[in-house]
């Protein structure tokens, strides 16, 4: 017989960790934006190069954030589904 063991706390911690990571990344990117905005002594060529690179970073960051949000959602749903199945199975014995 196969046994499936689910650690609900680990699922919840995993979901919370993914959300926290997403929030940290967003915070770092916002901080970077504000620091660059406050840098008035950048010459035009440097600023243009930075903005081109930043556009690529932003696209990659958005993709990464979408993946992290999706993973957090999936982990949360998996925990909910395991709990539902567990409760349903337990009700059959009670």
Protein backbone atom coordinates (compact mmCIF):
# COMPACT_ATOMS: atom_id res chain seq x y z
CA UNK A 1 0.00 0.00 0.00
CA UNK A 2 1.25 3.46 -0.89
CA UNK A 3 1.31 6.13 1.79
CA UNK A 4 0.99 9.81 1.06
CA UNK A 5 2.14 12.09 3.85
CA UNK A 6 1.35 15.79 3.65
CA UNK A 7 2.91 18.41 5.85
CA UNK A 8 0.33 21.23 5.87
CA UNK A 9 2.64 23.59 7.71
CA UNK A 10 5.36 23.07 5.10
CA UNK A 11 2.88 23.83 2.31
CA UNK A 12 1.73 26.99 4.08
CA UNK A 13 5.33 28.01 4.79
CA UNK A 14 6.23 27.39 1.15
CA UNK A 15 3.39 29.55 -0.06
CA UNK A 16 4.26 32.32 2.39
CA UNK A 17 7.94 32.09 1.42
CA UNK A 18 7.12 32.51 -2.26
CA UNK A 19 4.92 35.53 -1.54
CA UNK A 20 7.63 37.03 0.70
CA UNK A 21 10.24 36.51 -2.02
CA UNK A 22 7.97 38.20 -4.54
CA UNK A 23 7.48 41.15 -2.17
CA UNK A 24 11.23 41.45 -1.49
CA UNK A 25 12.02 41.52 -5.20
CA UNK A 26 9.36 44.18 -5.78
CA UNK A 27 10.85 46.22 -2.94
CA UNK A 28 14.39 45.96 -4.30
CA UNK A 29 13.25 47.01 -7.77
CA UNK A 30 11.31 49.98 -6.37
CA UNK A 31 14.35 51.00 -4.32
CA UNK A 32 16.56 50.79 -7.40
CA UNK A 33 14.09 52.93 -9.36
CA UNK A 34 14.03 55.59 -6.66
CA UNK A 35 17.84 55.65 -6.37
CA UNK A 36 18.24 56.08 -10.11
CA UNK A 37 15.54 58.76 -10.21
CA UNK A 38 17.49 60.65 -7.55
CA UNK A 39 20.70 60.50 -9.60
CA UNK A 40 20.65 63.78 -11.46
CA UNK A 41 24.33 63.75 -12.44
CA UNK A 42 24.08 60.83 -14.91
CA UNK A 43 25.03 61.94 -18.41
CA UNK A 44 22.59 61.31 -21.25
CA UNK A 45 24.48 58.36 -22.72
CA UNK A 46 24.78 56.59 -19.37
CA UNK A 47 21.13 57.18 -18.58
CA UNK A 48 20.04 55.96 -22.01
CA UNK A 49 22.12 52.79 -21.64
CA UNK A 50 20.75 52.22 -18.16
CA UNK A 51 17.16 52.65 -19.30
CA UNK A 52 17.63 50.16 -22.15
CA UNK A 53 19.09 47.61 -19.75
CA UNK A 54 16.41 48.37 -17.16
CA UNK A 55 13.68 47.66 -19.72
CA UNK A 56 15.14 44.16 -20.16
CA UNK A 57 15.43 43.71 -16.37
CA UNK A 58 11.83 44.81 -15.90
CA UNK A 59 10.59 42.32 -18.49
CA UNK A 60 12.58 39.50 -16.88
CA UNK A 61 11.44 40.58 -13.41
CA UNK A 62 7.82 40.59 -14.50
CA UNK A 63 8.20 37.06 -15.88
CA UNK A 64 9.85 35.93 -12.64
CA UNK A 65 7.15 37.58 -10.53
CA UNK A 66 4.43 35.90 -12.60
CA UNK A 67 6.09 32.53 -12.02
CA UNK A 68 6.49 33.17 -8.27
CA UNK A 69 2.86 34.25 -7.94
CA UNK A 70 1.74 31.20 -9.91
CA UNK A 71 3.81 28.87 -7.74
CA UNK A 72 2.49 30.45 -4.55
CA UNK A 73 -1.06 30.02 -5.80
CA UNK A 74 -0.48 26.39 -6.79
CA UNK A 75 1.14 25.54 -3.46
CA UNK A 76 -1.76 27.17 -1.62
CA UNK A 77 -4.33 25.29 -3.69
CA UNK A 78 -2.46 22.01 -3.21
CA UNK A 79 -2.65 22.49 0.57
CA UNK A 80 -6.36 23.26 0.37
CA UNK A 81 -7.03 20.22 -1.83
CA UNK A 82 -5.04 17.91 0.46
CA UNK A 83 -7.04 19.19 3.44
CA UNK A 84 -10.33 18.65 1.58
CA UNK A 85 -9.38 15.10 0.59
CA UNK A 86 -8.11 14.38 4.09
CA UNK A 87 -11.37 15.64 5.67
CA UNK A 88 -13.48 13.68 3.16
CA UNK A 89 -11.56 10.47 3.81
CA UNK A 90 -11.70 10.98 7.58
CA UNK A 91 -15.49 11.49 7.39
CA UNK A 92 -15.82 8.05 5.79
CA UNK A 93 -14.41 6.48 8.93
CA UNK A 94 -16.38 8.57 11.39
